Structure formats: C-alpha cells, structure tokens
Amino acid sequence: MPASFAVTKAPSKGAPDFEALRKQLQGELITDASPDFNPGKLLWNARKPSRRPALVVRARDANDVVAALKFAADNDLKVSVRGGGHNFYGLALRKGGMLIDLGQLRSMSIDAQSGMTFVQPAVTNLEFARELAAHNLAFPVGHCPSVTMSGYLLNGGIAFNLGGWGPACESVEAVDLVLADGTLVRADKENYPDLYWAARGAGPGLFAVAVGFHVRTYPQPRATMISTYFCSLDKVKEVSEAVARFAGDLPAHSELLIGLITAPPSVAAVCGNRQGRVCVVQAVVFGDSAAESAAALAVMENEPLLSNALSKDINHGTSPEELLQAHAHIFPADHRYEVELFCSNAPAAEVLTAVKDHVLQTPSPISMAACILATGKRPLLRPLSGTAFSLSGNLIGGCWTIWDKSEDDERNISWFKTMTALLRPFTVNHYIGETDIVDEPARAERSFKHEHWHQLQRLRAKYDRDGRFFDFAQGLA
C-alpha cells in the first residue's frame, strides 16, 4: 500500500479496492504505485509542486465522478479536483487523497435561438468563443485562450468586456454538481440556491465537483475595434492621469488597459534607455457598428499625450477570437509563472508609478504589470447579489512574472515578491483564481467579503460534513 494513504484512509476499512473502482469507470484510475504516475504533467504552469495525490481518477463523464466520490467516502479519502490544470499555483495537487481529473469533459451544446448553452469543465476559452461565434453568439470569456471553463467560472471569471457583460459568473444560470456523497444535483435560483451561490465564486474552496455549466450567451458584437498607444515609460504618471480623465467617456462595453511591458520590436528602437520597456494604453470597444466603435475610440486620439505617442495603431478591427489568439503570446505555455491579480480603488497613476522603477529591474523581458480601468459611468466591478464572488472596485491590477528556465527561479521569485509588496498598499482584495494562497494562505480569506467567507464555511459544514473535499489550505503545506 502506498505510504501516502496513511493520512487519508480510515485504518479499520482496509486497503482500497482499486480494481473494484476501475470496473465502475469509463475513464482511467492511476495510483502512485504506477511507474508512470506523474500528476504534475496535468498542470499548465511549468513550475510543478512536489506534493502529489495518492491516486488520480480521469473521469470520462459525470457518472465516473459519482463513482469516484462514493469510493472516496467508502475509503475515507480526501478529494481535490482538476478542471483544466491552469491554476498558477497547482491547487489541484494536494498531499495524498484522490484527484478527480475532469480534463476529458469537453462537450458543449448551444441553443442558438435562446442563447442558452451547456458547457463542460474542460472546454477552453478559445474553443468556447470560436464555437459561439459560429452561431453569432459571444460569452464573457477570460483573456488567456487555454484557460478552461471549470476554474474560470468557479472563481468568478475576470472577463473581456467586464463593463458590458460583467464577470462570467453573472451569466451562469445553473451548475451541475456532484456532492460529497456522490449525489448529482442541478443548482440554480430555485434548486439548491445556496450551492448555486457558492459555485459562482468559491473557486478552489468549492465543496462539490462541477461537471457542467448552463450559461447565458449574448449577441456577437458586430464591430469589435481596438486602439493601442505606446508611450514613454517616463510618462507613466502623466499618461495614466490623462487616461483616467477620459475613461468615463468610453462606453461601458469597452475594456481599457494601461500596462508596463516590453515594447514590440517595431517600438523598441525609440524607447531610449528604459531597457525596452514602455507604457502601453489599449482600449477595446465591443460595438455594434464600425462607426460607433471608431467614435468611441476617438476620445483617445483627442488626448495629446496619446496622439503624440511613440507609436500607435488606432481603430484596428478585430474579434473576440483574435483577441484570445493575441493573448496566447502574452501568456505563453511551457513557462514558469508567479501571478497576483487584485482589486483596488486607487488611481492607476499611483499604482503604476509605485512599481515603475521595479519593472525596469525584472529578470525576464516578458514579465509585466497592468491595470484595467472602469469605463462608462459605473465601477469596473460592483458587488453582485447571489454570488460568492466578492471583488469590487474601480481598478483591477495585476503582475505576471513569466520566465522559462528553472535556474532563474530565485531571481524571478524574488522580483515578484518585491512587486507584490509594492502593490500591497493599493490592494482591497485578491482574485482567488490568480493569487498565491500556497505561500500565503491568508490571501484566500482576503479574496472574499467577510460575510461571504463565513457563509462558505457554513455551507461546507452543511454539504461536506465529513470534510471529504480539501478546503483552500489543506494538503498544500
């Protein structure tokens, strides 16, 4: 018997009967006794934690998840869940217990007339956006094309067009869940409303397995248009203040970003002595006509600091799928990551000025910092009723530390820790999907409103009385 079962199995029940479980599954069962047992390969981040489960159930359908959870209950095994393996801190991998891998649940069904869509956990942002576009529909997908619906929707979903469509969890009408005892239920406003509340925002702290999402989609924007301006890094403060002045004149159905990045080759030659770093300002309007989108973006060209930028590309027609494809280069696969995404009410000029000098010291040219600002006449993220999702504020800030060689870990991690320390005074709360709760478990609680955090604990006690599921912190240390 593998030693890892020592802390997860009730001694009186004997060794788990793996063969009995295998016979019930359409998918696979892999234990840590297998010579090819390598659960780290299930994770997207090239930085792999040393912790690992005792067994992995690669479910092929919801029935496999039911069988796995009943087996876990019979053998007193803790359970974690992998949707797409994209969490930057590998929270699906815990010490011991059972990992249920949903990576083969990849189907979707679209009702083009009503716009209602059923999507399984392992469908990616890019796959979903592409299939919806074929029906002239859209959904508030996330920015990274390879992120899957599972963690993305459960975490709340920081999406394209936040001002127009809101976070993705607002568009989730129902969730199919397998509970700790193996019961399959559908949670919505009328049935299991407390589970429906939790499934929209609890993220890695959810005490059930989400095997399907029923979501509301939207008409495909007919004229998505983008304008990009590259400005001197030395003018971060002035540019950010100027952007803040016209942000409210952009329509709510737009995304406005200020970032500190490495300039593209076409701009690098005019960056001076700033290590090829620039301040980029970018707005995307999800409009209904080219004339409407161009008119909205004109407020940027009317700002002298932008009209006289180092370089610019204005009124460029695009699509949600093309936006996602572009972000594949921003978030490259097979790289090593440290990330922090947070909400703030501070002006972007203060946030970015505070980190500007540290950005120049980054060991990796593809690491970056950015802020997304509110547009229109309302906050970027406002409190939602009926969801555990808790972020609210006028600005989303983030730092993405990205490198490719393990020998550079120490330098990049040190740079990241200094960056998060510089950002801490501006942080109201963290986004549970992109913050390090392994190194700093207290970040989990700080990702939720006080009352939401305690409601999650009460619901865990109600629906998972035996503590079948790992909570936010268990099995990580």
Protein backbone atom coordinates (compact mmCIF):
# COMPACT_ATOMS: atom_id res chain seq x y z
CA MET A 1 0.00 0.00 0.00
CA PRO A 2 1.42 3.47 -0.88
CA ALA A 3 2.56 5.36 2.21
CA SER A 4 0.55 8.43 1.20
CA PHE A 5 -2.67 6.68 2.20
CA ALA A 6 -1.61 6.75 5.82
CA VAL A 7 -3.15 10.17 6.46
CA THR A 8 -6.21 9.81 4.26
CA LYS A 9 -7.58 6.32 4.93
CA ALA A 10 -9.58 5.04 7.90
CA PRO A 11 -7.47 2.16 9.28
CA SER A 12 -10.48 -0.03 10.02
CA LYS A 13 -11.62 -0.15 6.39
CA GLY A 14 -8.59 -1.95 4.96
CA ALA A 15 -6.75 -1.18 1.75
CA PRO A 16 -8.81 0.48 -1.00
CA ASP A 17 -10.05 -1.95 -3.64
CA PHE A 18 -8.77 -0.22 -6.75
CA GLU A 19 -9.91 -2.97 -9.09
CA ALA A 20 -13.50 -2.57 -7.92
CA LEU A 21 -13.32 1.15 -8.74
CA ARG A 22 -11.71 0.52 -12.13
CA LYS A 23 -14.62 -1.71 -13.11
CA GLN A 24 -17.06 1.13 -12.44
CA LEU A 25 -15.22 3.73 -14.51
CA GLN A 26 -15.44 4.62 -18.16
CA GLY A 27 -12.25 6.60 -17.63
CA GLU A 28 -8.94 5.71 -16.00
CA LEU A 29 -7.64 5.10 -12.50
CA ILE A 30 -3.95 5.71 -11.87
CA THR A 31 -2.32 5.19 -8.47
CA ASP A 32 1.00 6.38 -7.13
CA ALA A 33 2.23 2.79 -7.30
CA SER A 34 2.25 3.05 -11.09
CA PRO A 35 5.71 3.63 -12.62
CA ASP A 36 4.32 6.33 -14.93
CA PHE A 37 2.45 8.19 -12.17
CA ASN A 38 3.20 11.85 -12.84
CA PRO A 39 0.30 14.12 -11.83
CA GLY A 40 2.46 17.21 -12.29
CA LYS A 41 2.01 16.88 -16.05
CA LEU A 42 -1.65 17.78 -15.53
CA LEU A 43 -0.65 21.34 -14.59
CA TRP A 44 -0.21 24.21 -17.07
CA ASN A 45 2.44 26.16 -15.11
CA ALA A 46 5.89 24.73 -15.85
CA ARG A 47 6.71 25.16 -12.16
CA LYS A 48 5.48 21.89 -10.65
CA PRO A 49 4.90 21.48 -6.87
CA SER A 50 6.41 18.44 -5.19
CA ARG A 51 3.14 17.48 -3.48
CA ARG A 52 1.06 14.79 -5.17
CA PRO A 53 -2.11 12.79 -4.61
CA ALA A 54 -2.26 9.05 -3.92
CA LEU A 55 -4.46 8.35 -6.94
CA VAL A 56 -5.95 10.09 -9.96
CA VAL A 57 -9.36 9.32 -11.44
CA ARG A 58 -9.51 10.56 -15.04
CA ALA A 59 -13.27 10.87 -15.39
CA ARG A 60 -14.92 10.45 -18.76
CA ASP A 61 -18.37 11.56 -17.65
CA ALA A 62 -20.40 12.63 -14.62
CA ASN A 63 -21.05 9.01 -13.68
CA ASP A 64 -17.32 8.49 -13.21
CA VAL A 65 -17.27 11.44 -10.81
CA VAL A 66 -20.17 9.92 -8.86
CA ALA A 67 -18.35 6.58 -8.61
CA ALA A 68 -15.10 8.28 -7.58
CA LEU A 69 -16.74 10.25 -4.78
CA LYS A 70 -18.57 7.22 -3.45
CA PHE A 71 -15.27 5.33 -3.43
CA ALA A 72 -13.59 8.24 -1.64
CA ALA A 73 -16.35 8.21 1.01
CA ASP A 74 -16.08 4.44 1.49
CA ASN A 75 -12.31 4.68 1.96
CA ASP A 76 -12.14 8.00 3.82
CA LEU A 77 -10.07 9.72 1.13
CA LYS A 78 -9.77 13.48 0.80
CA VAL A 79 -10.63 14.79 -2.68
CA SER A 80 -9.32 17.55 -4.94
CA VAL A 81 -10.46 18.45 -8.45
CA ARG A 82 -8.62 19.38 -11.62
CA GLY A 83 -10.62 21.18 -14.29
CA GLY A 84 -8.02 22.29 -16.81
CA GLY A 85 -4.93 22.39 -14.60
CA HIS A 86 -4.47 26.08 -15.31
CA ASN A 87 -4.36 27.41 -11.75
CA PHE A 88 -0.95 29.06 -11.49
CA TYR A 89 -0.27 27.51 -8.08
CA GLY A 90 -1.35 23.96 -8.90
CA LEU A 91 -4.10 23.81 -6.29
CA ALA A 92 -5.46 20.59 -7.81
CA LEU A 93 -2.40 18.77 -6.46
CA ARG A 94 -2.65 18.10 -2.73
CA LYS A 95 -0.70 15.77 -0.44
CA GLY A 96 -2.38 12.39 -0.53
CA GLY A 97 -6.01 11.63 -1.25
CA MET A 98 -7.78 11.42 -4.60
CA LEU A 99 -7.51 13.82 -7.51
CA ILE A 100 -10.53 13.79 -9.84
CA ASP A 101 -9.37 14.94 -13.28
CA LEU A 102 -12.13 16.44 -15.45
CA GLY A 103 -9.88 17.02 -18.45
CA GLN A 104 -11.93 14.73 -20.72
CA LEU A 105 -15.25 16.51 -20.08
CA ARG A 106 -15.06 18.74 -23.15
CA SER A 107 -18.51 18.90 -24.77
CA MET A 108 -20.87 21.83 -25.30
CA SER A 109 -24.38 22.27 -26.64
CA ILE A 110 -25.63 25.60 -27.99
CA ASP A 111 -29.24 26.66 -28.43
CA ALA A 112 -28.72 29.41 -30.98
CA GLN A 113 -32.31 30.66 -30.70
CA SER A 114 -32.39 31.19 -26.91
CA GLY A 115 -28.66 31.69 -26.46
CA MET A 116 -28.60 29.21 -23.59
CA THR A 117 -25.57 26.94 -23.71
CA PHE A 118 -24.39 23.88 -21.82
CA VAL A 119 -20.61 23.66 -21.48
CA GLN A 120 -18.46 21.09 -19.68
CA PRO A 121 -15.49 21.93 -17.44
CA ALA A 122 -12.55 21.31 -19.80
CA VAL A 123 -13.72 23.44 -22.74
CA THR A 124 -11.22 26.28 -23.19
CA ASN A 125 -11.92 29.99 -23.60
CA LEU A 126 -10.76 29.84 -27.21
CA GLU A 127 -12.82 26.75 -28.06
CA PHE A 128 -15.91 28.25 -26.48
CA ALA A 129 -15.52 31.64 -28.16
CA ARG A 130 -14.90 30.03 -31.56
CA GLU A 131 -17.93 27.74 -31.36
CA LEU A 132 -20.21 30.54 -30.18
CA ALA A 133 -19.00 32.83 -32.96
CA ALA A 134 -20.19 30.24 -35.49
CA HIS A 135 -23.69 30.91 -34.12
CA ASN A 136 -23.17 34.72 -33.94
CA LEU A 137 -23.04 34.49 -30.15
CA ALA A 138 -20.48 35.52 -27.54
CA PHE A 139 -19.71 34.98 -23.87
CA PRO A 140 -17.55 36.89 -21.36
CA VAL A 141 -14.59 34.55 -21.71
CA GLY A 142 -11.28 35.19 -19.94
CA HIS A 143 -8.16 36.66 -21.51
CA CYS A 144 -5.99 33.54 -21.70
CA PRO A 145 -7.13 31.23 -24.52
CA SER A 146 -6.10 27.96 -22.85
CA VAL A 147 -7.97 28.54 -19.56
CA THR A 148 -10.92 26.15 -19.21
CA MET A 149 -14.45 26.86 -18.04
CA SER A 150 -14.11 24.95 -14.75
CA GLY A 151 -11.83 27.08 -12.60
CA TYR A 152 -12.60 30.18 -14.62
CA LEU A 153 -16.34 30.16 -13.88
CA LEU A 154 -15.99 28.84 -10.32
CA ASN A 155 -13.52 31.62 -9.48
CA GLY A 156 -15.94 34.26 -10.79
CA GLY A 157 -14.40 34.94 -14.20
CA ILE A 158 -12.45 38.15 -14.85
CA ALA A 159 -13.61 38.57 -18.43
CA PHE A 160 -13.32 40.60 -21.57
CA ASN A 161 -15.95 43.37 -21.63
CA LEU A 162 -16.46 43.43 -17.86
CA GLY A 163 -18.34 46.70 -18.07
CA GLY A 164 -20.81 45.35 -20.61
CA TRP A 165 -21.27 41.71 -19.65
CA GLY A 166 -19.92 41.63 -16.10
CA PRO A 167 -17.83 38.83 -14.62
CA ALA A 168 -18.53 35.47 -16.22
CA CYS A 169 -20.27 34.01 -13.16
CA GLU A 170 -23.12 36.51 -13.63
CA SER A 171 -24.01 34.67 -16.82
CA VAL A 172 -24.12 31.21 -15.21
CA GLU A 173 -27.78 30.17 -14.89
CA ALA A 174 -27.25 26.71 -13.36
CA VAL A 175 -24.44 24.33 -12.38
CA ASP A 176 -24.49 20.53 -12.38
CA LEU A 177 -22.70 19.40 -9.21
CA VAL A 178 -21.70 16.08 -7.68
CA LEU A 179 -21.84 16.37 -3.90
CA ALA A 180 -19.54 14.76 -1.36
CA ASP A 181 -21.79 11.68 -1.02
CA GLY A 182 -21.92 11.12 -4.79
CA THR A 183 -25.32 12.75 -5.38
CA LEU A 184 -25.68 14.56 -8.72
CA VAL A 185 -27.76 17.75 -8.47
CA ARG A 186 -28.50 20.85 -10.53
CA ALA A 187 -28.11 24.09 -8.59
CA ASP A 188 -29.92 27.23 -9.72
CA LYS A 189 -32.06 30.01 -8.25
CA GLU A 190 -34.87 27.62 -7.26
CA ASN A 191 -33.00 24.38 -6.56
CA TYR A 192 -30.11 24.34 -4.10
CA PRO A 193 -29.81 28.14 -4.26
CA ASP A 194 -27.09 28.12 -1.59
CA LEU A 195 -24.95 25.78 -3.71
CA TYR A 196 -25.67 27.98 -6.74
CA TRP A 197 -24.41 30.94 -4.72
CA ALA A 198 -21.22 29.12 -3.71
CA ALA A 199 -20.46 27.71 -7.17
CA ARG A 200 -20.27 31.25 -8.54
CA GLY A 201 -17.11 32.47 -6.85
CA ALA A 202 -15.87 29.88 -4.31
CA GLY A 203 -13.19 28.68 -6.71
CA PRO A 204 -10.81 26.13 -5.16
CA GLY A 205 -12.82 26.23 -1.94
CA LEU A 206 -15.92 24.66 -3.51
CA PHE A 207 -17.14 21.54 -1.66
CA ALA A 208 -18.56 19.75 -4.73
CA VAL A 209 -17.47 18.82 -8.26
CA ALA A 210 -18.88 20.96 -11.06
CA VAL A 211 -19.44 18.72 -14.08
CA GLY A 212 -21.44 21.12 -16.28
CA PHE A 213 -22.44 24.76 -16.60
CA HIS A 214 -25.64 26.19 -18.11
CA VAL A 215 -24.79 29.71 -19.24
CA ARG A 216 -26.47 32.68 -20.88
CA THR A 217 -24.74 34.00 -24.01
CA TYR A 218 -25.02 37.29 -25.89
CA PRO A 219 -25.23 38.50 -29.48
CA GLN A 220 -21.79 38.61 -31.08
CA PRO A 221 -20.55 42.23 -31.23
CA ARG A 222 -20.69 43.28 -34.87
CA ALA A 223 -17.73 45.66 -34.70
CA THR A 224 -15.04 44.94 -32.13
CA MET A 225 -12.33 47.56 -32.54
CA ILE A 226 -9.06 48.20 -30.73
CA SER A 227 -6.67 51.15 -30.42
CA THR A 228 -3.16 50.78 -28.95
CA TYR A 229 -0.71 53.51 -27.94
CA PHE A 230 2.91 53.04 -26.85
CA CYS A 231 4.24 55.82 -24.62
CA SER A 232 7.50 56.52 -22.83
CA LEU A 233 7.83 54.71 -19.51
CA ASP A 234 8.95 58.01 -18.01
CA LYS A 235 5.47 59.42 -18.66
CA VAL A 236 3.56 56.70 -16.79
CA LYS A 237 2.10 59.12 -14.27
CA GLU A 238 1.01 61.74 -16.80
CA VAL A 239 -0.37 59.18 -19.25
CA SER A 240 -2.29 57.34 -16.52
CA GLU A 241 -3.82 60.59 -15.26
CA ALA A 242 -4.86 61.53 -18.79
CA VAL A 243 -6.42 58.11 -19.38
CA ALA A 244 -8.36 58.39 -16.12
CA ARG A 245 -9.81 61.69 -17.32
CA PHE A 246 -11.38 60.23 -20.47
CA ALA A 247 -12.16 56.71 -19.17
CA GLY A 248 -15.70 57.71 -18.24
CA ASP A 249 -16.30 58.91 -21.82
CA LEU A 250 -15.66 55.45 -23.23
CA PRO A 251 -18.76 53.25 -23.34
CA ALA A 252 -19.29 50.70 -20.58
CA HIS A 253 -18.99 47.93 -23.21
CA SER A 254 -15.26 48.53 -23.63
CA GLU A 255 -12.05 47.43 -21.95
CA LEU A 256 -9.38 49.99 -21.05
CA LEU A 257 -5.89 48.88 -20.00
CA ILE A 258 -2.63 50.54 -19.03
CA GLY A 259 0.38 48.25 -18.88
CA LEU A 260 4.12 48.32 -18.29
CA ILE A 261 5.56 45.89 -20.81
CA THR A 262 8.48 45.19 -23.11
CA ALA A 263 7.94 47.04 -26.35
CA PRO A 264 7.36 45.11 -29.57
CA PRO A 265 10.34 45.16 -31.95
CA SER A 266 8.78 47.95 -34.03
CA VAL A 267 8.77 50.25 -31.00
CA ALA A 268 11.89 49.14 -29.09
CA ALA A 269 14.21 51.42 -31.06
CA VAL A 270 12.52 54.56 -29.72
CA CYS A 271 12.32 53.50 -26.07
CA GLY A 272 15.54 55.26 -25.05
CA ASN A 273 17.45 53.83 -22.09
CA ARG A 274 14.44 52.14 -20.42
CA GLN A 275 15.52 48.53 -21.19
CA GLY A 276 12.99 48.35 -24.00
CA ARG A 277 10.10 48.95 -21.59
CA VAL A 278 7.11 51.11 -22.46
CA CYS A 279 3.78 52.19 -21.08
CA VAL A 280 1.03 50.78 -23.29
CA VAL A 281 -2.53 52.12 -23.35
CA GLN A 282 -5.09 49.95 -25.07
CA ALA A 283 -8.86 50.15 -25.43
CA VAL A 284 -11.19 47.59 -26.99
CA VAL A 285 -14.76 48.57 -27.85
CA PHE A 286 -17.29 45.78 -28.36
CA GLY A 287 -19.58 47.83 -30.58
CA ASP A 288 -22.48 47.23 -32.95
CA SER A 289 -21.02 49.16 -35.89
CA ALA A 290 -17.62 50.33 -37.08
CA ALA A 291 -18.80 53.94 -36.89
CA GLU A 292 -19.91 53.51 -33.27
CA SER A 293 -16.67 51.85 -32.19
CA ALA A 294 -14.47 54.38 -34.01
CA ALA A 295 -16.39 57.29 -32.50
CA ALA A 296 -15.92 55.82 -29.03
CA LEU A 297 -12.17 55.36 -29.54
CA ALA A 298 -11.80 58.95 -30.81
CA VAL A 299 -11.61 60.21 -27.21
CA MET A 300 -8.16 58.59 -27.03
CA GLU A 301 -6.85 60.26 -30.16
CA ASN A 302 -8.08 63.62 -28.80
CA GLU A 303 -5.69 63.26 -25.86
CA PRO A 304 -2.36 64.94 -26.84
CA LEU A 305 -0.21 62.56 -24.79
CA LEU A 306 -1.62 59.67 -26.80
CA SER A 307 -1.88 61.31 -30.22
CA ASN A 308 1.85 62.09 -29.89
CA ALA A 309 2.77 58.62 -28.59
CA LEU A 310 5.96 56.81 -29.59
CA SER A 311 3.84 54.54 -31.76
CA LYS A 312 0.15 53.80 -32.23
CA ASP A 313 -2.30 51.54 -34.02
CA ILE A 314 -5.80 53.01 -33.98
CA ASN A 315 -9.23 51.67 -34.91
CA HIS A 316 -7.99 48.19 -35.70
CA GLY A 317 -10.85 45.80 -36.42
CA THR A 318 -10.68 42.52 -34.51
CA SER A 319 -12.86 39.79 -32.99
CA PRO A 320 -13.09 38.02 -29.63
CA GLU A 321 -11.30 35.02 -31.13
CA GLU A 322 -8.48 37.19 -32.49
CA LEU A 323 -8.13 38.89 -29.10
CA LEU A 324 -7.71 35.49 -27.48
CA GLN A 325 -5.17 34.39 -30.09
CA ALA A 326 -3.15 37.53 -29.38
CA HIS A 327 -3.14 36.76 -25.67
CA ALA A 328 -1.59 33.35 -26.36
CA HIS A 329 1.66 35.27 -26.91
CA ILE A 330 1.21 37.25 -23.71
CA PHE A 331 0.67 34.09 -21.63
CA PRO A 332 2.96 31.53 -23.31
CA ALA A 333 2.64 27.85 -22.44
CA ASP A 334 5.54 25.81 -21.05
CA HIS A 335 6.76 28.75 -18.96
CA ARG A 336 7.15 29.34 -15.26
CA TYR A 337 4.73 31.74 -13.56
CA GLU A 338 4.11 33.79 -10.41
CA VAL A 339 0.99 35.96 -10.54
CA GLU A 340 -1.06 38.37 -8.49
CA LEU A 341 -4.42 39.85 -9.52
CA PHE A 342 -6.18 42.26 -7.18
CA CYS A 343 -8.88 44.90 -6.98
CA SER A 344 -8.24 48.49 -5.94
CA ASN A 345 -9.90 51.88 -5.66
CA ALA A 346 -6.59 53.76 -6.01
CA PRO A 347 -5.88 55.78 -9.16
CA ALA A 348 -3.95 53.82 -11.79
CA ALA A 349 -1.34 56.59 -11.82
CA GLU A 350 -0.48 55.87 -8.17
CA VAL A 351 -0.34 52.11 -8.65
CA LEU A 352 1.82 52.15 -11.76
CA THR A 353 4.12 54.93 -10.59
CA ALA A 354 4.83 52.92 -7.43
CA VAL A 355 6.07 49.92 -9.44
CA LYS A 356 7.61 51.64 -12.49
CA ASP A 357 11.22 51.52 -11.30
CA HIS A 358 10.90 47.92 -10.15
CA VAL A 359 9.57 46.90 -13.57
CA LEU A 360 12.88 48.06 -15.03
CA GLN A 361 14.68 45.53 -12.82
CA THR A 362 12.75 42.46 -13.93
CA PRO A 363 14.96 39.48 -14.82
CA SER A 364 12.53 38.43 -17.55
CA PRO A 365 11.56 40.57 -20.54
CA ILE A 366 8.07 39.04 -20.75
CA SER A 367 7.04 39.81 -17.18
CA MET A 368 4.61 42.71 -16.88
CA ALA A 369 2.30 44.78 -14.72
CA ALA A 370 -1.05 46.21 -15.82
CA CYS A 371 -4.25 47.86 -14.68
CA ILE A 372 -7.74 47.58 -16.16
CA LEU A 373 -9.82 50.70 -15.52
CA ALA A 374 -13.54 51.30 -15.25
CA THR A 375 -15.23 52.82 -18.30
CA GLY A 376 -18.61 54.44 -18.60
CA LYS A 377 -20.39 55.71 -15.51
CA ARG A 378 -20.16 52.77 -13.09
CA PRO A 379 -17.44 50.87 -11.19
CA LEU A 380 -15.49 48.24 -13.06
CA LEU A 381 -16.57 45.60 -10.54
CA ARG A 382 -19.58 46.22 -8.35
CA PRO A 383 -20.97 43.99 -5.58
CA LEU A 384 -23.07 41.16 -7.00
CA SER A 385 -26.14 39.74 -5.32
CA GLY A 386 -26.48 35.99 -5.23
CA THR A 387 -22.83 35.01 -5.76
CA ALA A 388 -19.85 34.22 -3.55
CA PHE A 389 -17.71 36.30 -5.93
CA SER A 390 -16.54 39.27 -3.89
CA LEU A 391 -14.35 41.58 -5.94
CA SER A 392 -15.46 45.19 -6.25
CA GLY A 393 -13.66 48.39 -7.17
CA ASN A 394 -12.69 50.79 -9.93
CA LEU A 395 -9.50 49.09 -11.00
CA ILE A 396 -8.09 45.59 -11.46
CA GLY A 397 -4.33 45.43 -11.10
CA GLY A 398 -2.02 42.58 -11.84
CA CYS A 399 1.55 41.40 -12.01
CA TRP A 400 2.55 38.42 -14.14
CA THR A 401 6.08 37.13 -13.65
CA ILE A 402 6.95 34.82 -16.55
CA TRP A 403 10.22 33.03 -17.29
CA ASP A 404 11.36 29.79 -18.88
CA LYS A 405 14.37 28.31 -17.05
CA SER A 406 14.39 26.70 -13.61
CA GLU A 407 17.83 28.15 -12.87
CA ASP A 408 16.22 31.59 -12.96
CA ASP A 409 13.61 30.73 -10.31
CA GLU A 410 15.25 32.51 -7.41
CA ARG A 411 15.76 35.81 -9.22
CA ASN A 412 12.27 35.92 -10.68
CA ILE A 413 10.50 34.87 -7.49
CA SER A 414 12.44 37.47 -5.52
CA TRP A 415 11.47 40.13 -8.06
CA PHE A 416 7.83 39.03 -7.82
CA LYS A 417 7.78 39.18 -4.02
CA THR A 418 9.10 42.73 -4.08
CA MET A 419 6.48 43.64 -6.66
CA THR A 420 3.61 42.27 -4.57
CA ALA A 421 4.97 44.17 -1.55
CA LEU A 422 4.87 47.38 -3.60
CA LEU A 423 1.29 46.63 -4.67
CA ARG A 424 0.02 45.67 -1.20
CA PRO A 425 -0.88 49.24 -0.06
CA PHE A 426 -3.26 49.53 -3.02
CA THR A 427 -4.90 46.11 -2.66
CA VAL A 428 -8.50 45.92 -1.47
CA ASN A 429 -8.89 42.21 -2.15
CA HIS A 430 -7.34 39.42 -4.20
CA TYR A 431 -8.80 37.44 -7.08
CA ILE A 432 -8.92 33.87 -5.78
CA GLY A 433 -8.08 32.49 -9.24
CA GLU A 434 -4.76 34.34 -9.51
CA THR A 435 -3.14 34.79 -6.12
CA ASP A 436 -0.68 32.70 -4.13
CA ILE A 437 -2.62 31.01 -1.33
CA VAL A 438 0.09 28.34 -1.05
CA ASP A 439 2.83 30.65 0.20
CA GLU A 440 0.34 32.96 1.97
CA PRO A 441 -2.87 31.10 2.92
CA ALA A 442 -4.43 34.27 4.39
CA ARG A 443 -4.92 35.52 0.84
CA ALA A 444 -7.82 33.08 0.50
CA GLU A 445 -9.89 34.81 3.17
CA ARG A 446 -8.85 38.22 1.82
CA SER A 447 -10.36 37.25 -1.55
CA PHE A 448 -13.89 37.32 -0.09
CA LYS A 449 -16.15 39.68 1.77
CA HIS A 450 -16.20 38.90 5.47
CA GLU A 451 -19.78 37.62 5.38
CA HIS A 452 -19.14 35.59 2.21
CA TRP A 453 -16.14 33.86 3.77
CA HIS A 454 -18.15 32.76 6.79
CA GLN A 455 -21.10 31.71 4.64
CA LEU A 456 -18.78 29.44 2.67
CA GLN A 457 -17.64 27.79 5.92
CA ARG A 458 -21.26 27.23 7.00
CA LEU A 459 -22.16 25.69 3.65
CA ARG A 460 -19.10 23.44 3.72
CA ALA A 461 -20.25 22.11 7.09
CA LYS A 462 -23.74 21.53 5.64
CA TYR A 463 -22.83 19.81 2.37
CA ASP A 464 -19.50 18.20 3.27
CA ARG A 465 -19.93 17.11 6.87
CA ASP A 466 -17.09 14.59 6.74
CA GLY A 467 -14.66 17.05 5.19
CA ARG A 468 -14.36 14.99 2.01
CA PHE A 469 -13.04 17.88 -0.08
CA PHE A 470 -9.76 19.64 0.60
CA ASP A 471 -10.50 23.23 1.58
CA PHE A 472 -8.48 26.25 0.47
CA ALA A 473 -5.39 25.40 2.52
CA GLN A 474 -5.44 21.67 3.31
CA GLY A 475 -2.80 19.46 1.75
CA LEU A 476 -0.70 22.34 0.43
CA ALA A 477 1.90 22.80 3.17
